[in-house]
Amino acid sequence: MTTTNYLYLCLAIIVVWPLALLYVPGFSDLVESLMLLFLSQTAR
């Protein structure tokens, strides 16, 4: 993977991730649940 392709991939992730969290309710709920699960496991 060239540097240019890597930068385009990172840019696409940076743009798509927040939009998906804002406009796809199921996806945002899944991310929230996974984050809470991770935090509750590491807090012990």
PDB file of N, CA and C in Angstrom:
ATOM      1  N   MET A   1       0.847  -1.174   0.000  1.00  0.00           N
ATOM      2  CA  MET A   1       0.000   0.000   0.000  1.00  0.00           C
ATOM      3  C   MET A   1       0.893   1.237   0.000  1.00  0.00           C
ATOM      4  N   THR A   2       0.674   2.099  -0.946  1.00  0.00           N
ATOM      5  CA  THR A   2       1.490   3.301  -1.025  1.00  0.00           C
ATOM      6  C   THR A   2       1.020   4.332  -0.012  1.00  0.00           C
ATOM      7  N   THR A   3       1.838   5.322   0.195  1.00  0.00           N
ATOM      8  CA  THR A   3       1.510   6.361   1.163  1.00  0.00           C
ATOM      9  C   THR A   3       0.246   7.117   0.753  1.00  0.00           C
ATOM     10  N   THR A   4       0.091   7.374  -0.514  1.00  0.00           N
ATOM     11  CA  THR A   4      -1.091   8.098  -0.989  1.00  0.00           C
ATOM     12  C   THR A   4      -2.357   7.305  -0.726  1.00  0.00           C
ATOM     13  N   ASN A   5      -2.331   6.011  -1.025  1.00  0.00           N
ATOM     14  CA  ASN A   5      -3.503   5.175  -0.760  1.00  0.00           C
ATOM     15  C   ASN A   5      -3.796   5.111   0.734  1.00  0.00           C
ATOM     16  N   TYR A   6      -2.776   5.041   1.547  1.00  0.00           N
ATOM     17  CA  TYR A   6      -2.958   5.005   2.997  1.00  0.00           C
ATOM     18  C   TYR A   6      -3.602   6.299   3.497  1.00  0.00           C
ATOM     19  N   LEU A   7      -3.161   7.431   2.975  1.00  0.00           N
ATOM     20  CA  LEU A   7      -3.744   8.708   3.376  1.00  0.00           C
ATOM     21  C   LEU A   7      -5.202   8.811   2.944  1.00  0.00           C
ATOM     22  N   TYR A   8      -5.527   8.326   1.746  1.00  0.00           N
ATOM     23  CA  TYR A   8      -6.929   8.319   1.306  1.00  0.00           C
ATOM     24  C   TYR A   8      -7.780   7.418   2.190  1.00  0.00           C
ATOM     25  N   LEU A   9      -7.244   6.284   2.594  1.00  0.00           N
ATOM     26  CA  LEU A   9      -7.969   5.385   3.490  1.00  0.00           C
ATOM     27  C   LEU A   9      -8.225   6.056   4.836  1.00  0.00           C
ATOM     28  N   CYS A  10      -7.212   6.700   5.390  1.00  0.00           N
ATOM     29  CA  CYS A  10      -7.373   7.399   6.669  1.00  0.00           C
ATOM     30  C   CYS A  10      -8.387   8.535   6.543  1.00  0.00           C
ATOM     31  N   LEU A  11      -8.343   9.271   5.457  1.00  0.00           N
ATOM     32  CA  LEU A  11      -9.292  10.349   5.231  1.00  0.00           C
ATOM     33  C   LEU A  11     -10.718   9.818   5.133  1.00  0.00           C
ATOM     34  N   ALA A  12     -10.894   8.698   4.442  1.00  0.00           N
ATOM     35  CA  ALA A  12     -12.227   8.110   4.319  1.00  0.00           C
ATOM     36  C   ALA A  12     -12.745   7.661   5.681  1.00  0.00           C
ATOM     37  N   ILE A  13     -11.888   7.078   6.503  1.00  0.00           N
ATOM     38  CA  ILE A  13     -12.302   6.640   7.838  1.00  0.00           C
ATOM     39  C   ILE A  13     -12.662   7.838   8.703  1.00  0.00           C
ATOM     40  N   ILE A  14     -11.864   8.903   8.608  1.00  0.00           N
ATOM     41  CA  ILE A  14     -12.115  10.108   9.401  1.00  0.00           C
ATOM     42  C   ILE A  14     -13.454  10.734   9.032  1.00  0.00           C
ATOM     43  N   VAL A  15     -13.849  10.649   7.772  1.00  0.00           N
ATOM     44  CA  VAL A  15     -15.109  11.246   7.337  1.00  0.00           C
ATOM     45  C   VAL A  15     -16.283  10.317   7.626  1.00  0.00           C
ATOM     46  N   VAL A  16     -16.134   9.022   7.369  1.00  0.00           N
ATOM     47  CA  VAL A  16     -17.250   8.083   7.471  1.00  0.00           C
ATOM     48  C   VAL A  16     -17.602   7.773   8.916  1.00  0.00           C
ATOM     49  N   TRP A  17     -16.624   7.640   9.795  1.00  0.00           N
ATOM     50  CA  TRP A  17     -16.875   7.239  11.186  1.00  0.00           C
ATOM     51  C   TRP A  17     -17.824   8.188  11.912  1.00  0.00           C
ATOM     52  N   PRO A  18     -17.564   9.505  11.946  1.00  0.00           N
ATOM     53  CA  PRO A  18     -18.497  10.394  12.655  1.00  0.00           C
ATOM     54  C   PRO A  18     -19.875  10.452  11.998  1.00  0.00           C
ATOM     55  N   LEU A  19     -19.916  10.421  10.667  1.00  0.00           N
ATOM     56  CA  LEU A  19     -21.206  10.446   9.988  1.00  0.00           C
ATOM     57  C   LEU A  19     -22.025   9.204  10.315  1.00  0.00           C
ATOM     58  N   ALA A  20     -21.362   8.058  10.375  1.00  0.00           N
ATOM     59  CA  ALA A  20     -22.069   6.828  10.725  1.00  0.00           C
ATOM     60  C   ALA A  20     -22.564   6.878  12.171  1.00  0.00           C
ATOM     61  N   LEU A  21     -21.759   7.427  13.068  1.00  0.00           N
ATOM     62  CA  LEU A  21     -22.197   7.540  14.463  1.00  0.00           C
ATOM     63  C   LEU A  21     -23.381   8.486  14.605  1.00  0.00           C
ATOM     64  N   LEU A  22     -23.424   9.518  13.792  1.00  0.00           N
ATOM     65  CA  LEU A  22     -24.518  10.483  13.888  1.00  0.00           C
ATOM     66  C   LEU A  22     -25.798   9.999  13.241  1.00  0.00           C
ATOM     67  N   TYR A  23     -25.700   9.318  12.112  1.00  0.00           N
ATOM     68  CA  TYR A  23     -26.887   9.057  11.305  1.00  0.00           C
ATOM     69  C   TYR A  23     -27.327   7.601  11.244  1.00  0.00           C
ATOM     70  N   VAL A  24     -26.580   6.667  11.855  1.00  0.00           N
ATOM     71  CA  VAL A  24     -26.976   5.255  11.854  1.00  0.00           C
ATOM     72  C   VAL A  24     -27.163   4.838  13.313  1.00  0.00           C
ATOM     73  N   PRO A  25     -28.415   4.815  13.790  1.00  0.00           N
ATOM     74  CA  PRO A  25     -28.656   4.556  15.215  1.00  0.00           C
ATOM     75  C   PRO A  25     -28.152   3.194  15.683  1.00  0.00           C
ATOM     76  N   GLY A  26     -28.321   2.156  14.894  1.00  0.00           N
ATOM     77  CA  GLY A  26     -27.862   0.834  15.300  1.00  0.00           C
ATOM     78  C   GLY A  26     -26.358   0.770  15.449  1.00  0.00           C
ATOM     79  N   PHE A  27     -25.652   1.427  14.563  1.00  0.00           N
ATOM     80  CA  PHE A  27     -24.193   1.439  14.623  1.00  0.00           C
ATOM     81  C   PHE A  27     -23.705   2.195  15.849  1.00  0.00           C
ATOM     82  N   SER A  28     -24.313   3.332  16.132  1.00  0.00           N
ATOM     83  CA  SER A  28     -23.878   4.102  17.301  1.00  0.00           C
ATOM     84  C   SER A  28     -24.178   3.357  18.597  1.00  0.00           C
ATOM     85  N   ASP A  29     -25.296   2.648  18.650  1.00  0.00           N
ATOM     86  CA  ASP A  29     -25.605   1.834  19.835  1.00  0.00           C
ATOM     87  C   ASP A  29     -24.599   0.704  20.006  1.00  0.00           C
ATOM     88  N   LEU A  30     -24.209   0.088  18.910  1.00  0.00           N
ATOM     89  CA  LEU A  30     -23.220  -0.985  18.964  1.00  0.00           C
ATOM     90  C   LEU A  30     -21.879  -0.465  19.466  1.00  0.00           C
ATOM     91  N   VAL A  31     -21.449   0.669  18.935  1.00  0.00           N
ATOM     92  CA  VAL A  31     -20.172   1.249  19.364  1.00  0.00           C
ATOM     93  C   VAL A  31     -20.224   1.615  20.839  1.00  0.00           C
ATOM     94  N   GLU A  32     -21.337   2.204  21.270  1.00  0.00           N
ATOM     95  CA  GLU A  32     -21.481   2.564  22.680  1.00  0.00           C
ATOM     96  C   GLU A  32     -21.431   1.332  23.576  1.00  0.00           C
ATOM     97  N   SER A  33     -22.119   0.273  23.184  1.00  0.00           N
ATOM     98  CA  SER A  33     -22.128  -0.952  23.978  1.00  0.00           C
ATOM     99  C   SER A  33     -20.739  -1.573  24.066  1.00  0.00           C
ATOM    100  N   LEU A  34     -20.038  -1.589  22.949  1.00  0.00           N
ATOM    101  CA  LEU A  34     -18.684  -2.158  22.949  1.00  0.00           C
ATOM    102  C   LEU A  34     -17.728  -1.327  23.798  1.00  0.00           C
ATOM    103  N   MET A  35     -17.871  -0.006  23.742  1.00  0.00           N
ATOM    104  CA  MET A  35     -17.011   0.844  24.569  1.00  0.00           C
ATOM    105  C   MET A  35     -17.296   0.633  26.053  1.00  0.00           C
ATOM    106  N   LEU A  36     -18.571   0.544  26.417  1.00  0.00           N
ATOM    107  CA  LEU A  36     -18.911   0.302  27.821  1.00  0.00           C
ATOM    108  C   LEU A  36     -18.434  -1.064  28.289  1.00  0.00           C
ATOM    109  N   LEU A  37     -18.540  -2.068  27.428  1.00  0.00           N
ATOM    110  CA  LEU A  37     -18.043  -3.397  27.764  1.00  0.00           C
ATOM    111  C   LEU A  37     -16.536  -3.369  27.988  1.00  0.00           C
ATOM    112  N   PHE A  38     -15.819  -2.731  27.089  1.00  0.00           N
ATOM    113  CA  PHE A  38     -14.368  -2.630  27.217  1.00  0.00           C
ATOM    114  C   PHE A  38     -13.978  -1.890  28.503  1.00  0.00           C
ATOM    115  N   LEU A  39     -14.646  -0.778  28.763  1.00  0.00           N
ATOM    116  CA  LEU A  39     -14.303   0.011  29.963  1.00  0.00           C
ATOM    117  C   LEU A  39     -14.641  -0.732  31.245  1.00  0.00           C
ATOM    118  N   SER A  40     -15.733  -1.468  31.243  1.00  0.00           N
ATOM    119  CA  SER A  40     -16.090  -2.202  32.453  1.00  0.00           C
ATOM    120  C   SER A  40     -15.135  -3.376  32.688  1.00  0.00           C
ATOM    121  N   GLN A  41     -14.621  -3.958  31.638  1.00  0.00           N
ATOM    122  CA  GLN A  41     -13.668  -5.069  31.794  1.00  0.00           C
ATOM    123  C   GLN A  41     -12.301  -4.572  32.258  1.00  0.00           C
ATOM    124  N   THR A  42     -11.881  -3.402  31.775  1.00  0.00           N
ATOM    125  CA  THR A  42     -10.548  -2.912  32.138  1.00  0.00           C
ATOM    126  C   THR A  42     -10.544  -2.172  33.473  1.00  0.00           C
ATOM    127  N   ALA A  43     -11.713  -1.839  34.013  1.00  0.00           N
ATOM    128  CA  ALA A  43     -11.769  -1.117  35.288  1.00  0.00           C
ATOM    129  C   ALA A  43     -11.560  -2.040  36.483  1.00  0.00           C
ATOM    130  N   ARG A  44     -11.622  -3.322  36.258  1.00  0.00           N
ATOM    131  CA  ARG A  44     -11.476  -4.246  37.394  1.00  0.00           C
ATOM    132  C   ARG A  44     -10.064  -4.365  37.846  1.00  0.00           C
TER     133      ARG A  44
END
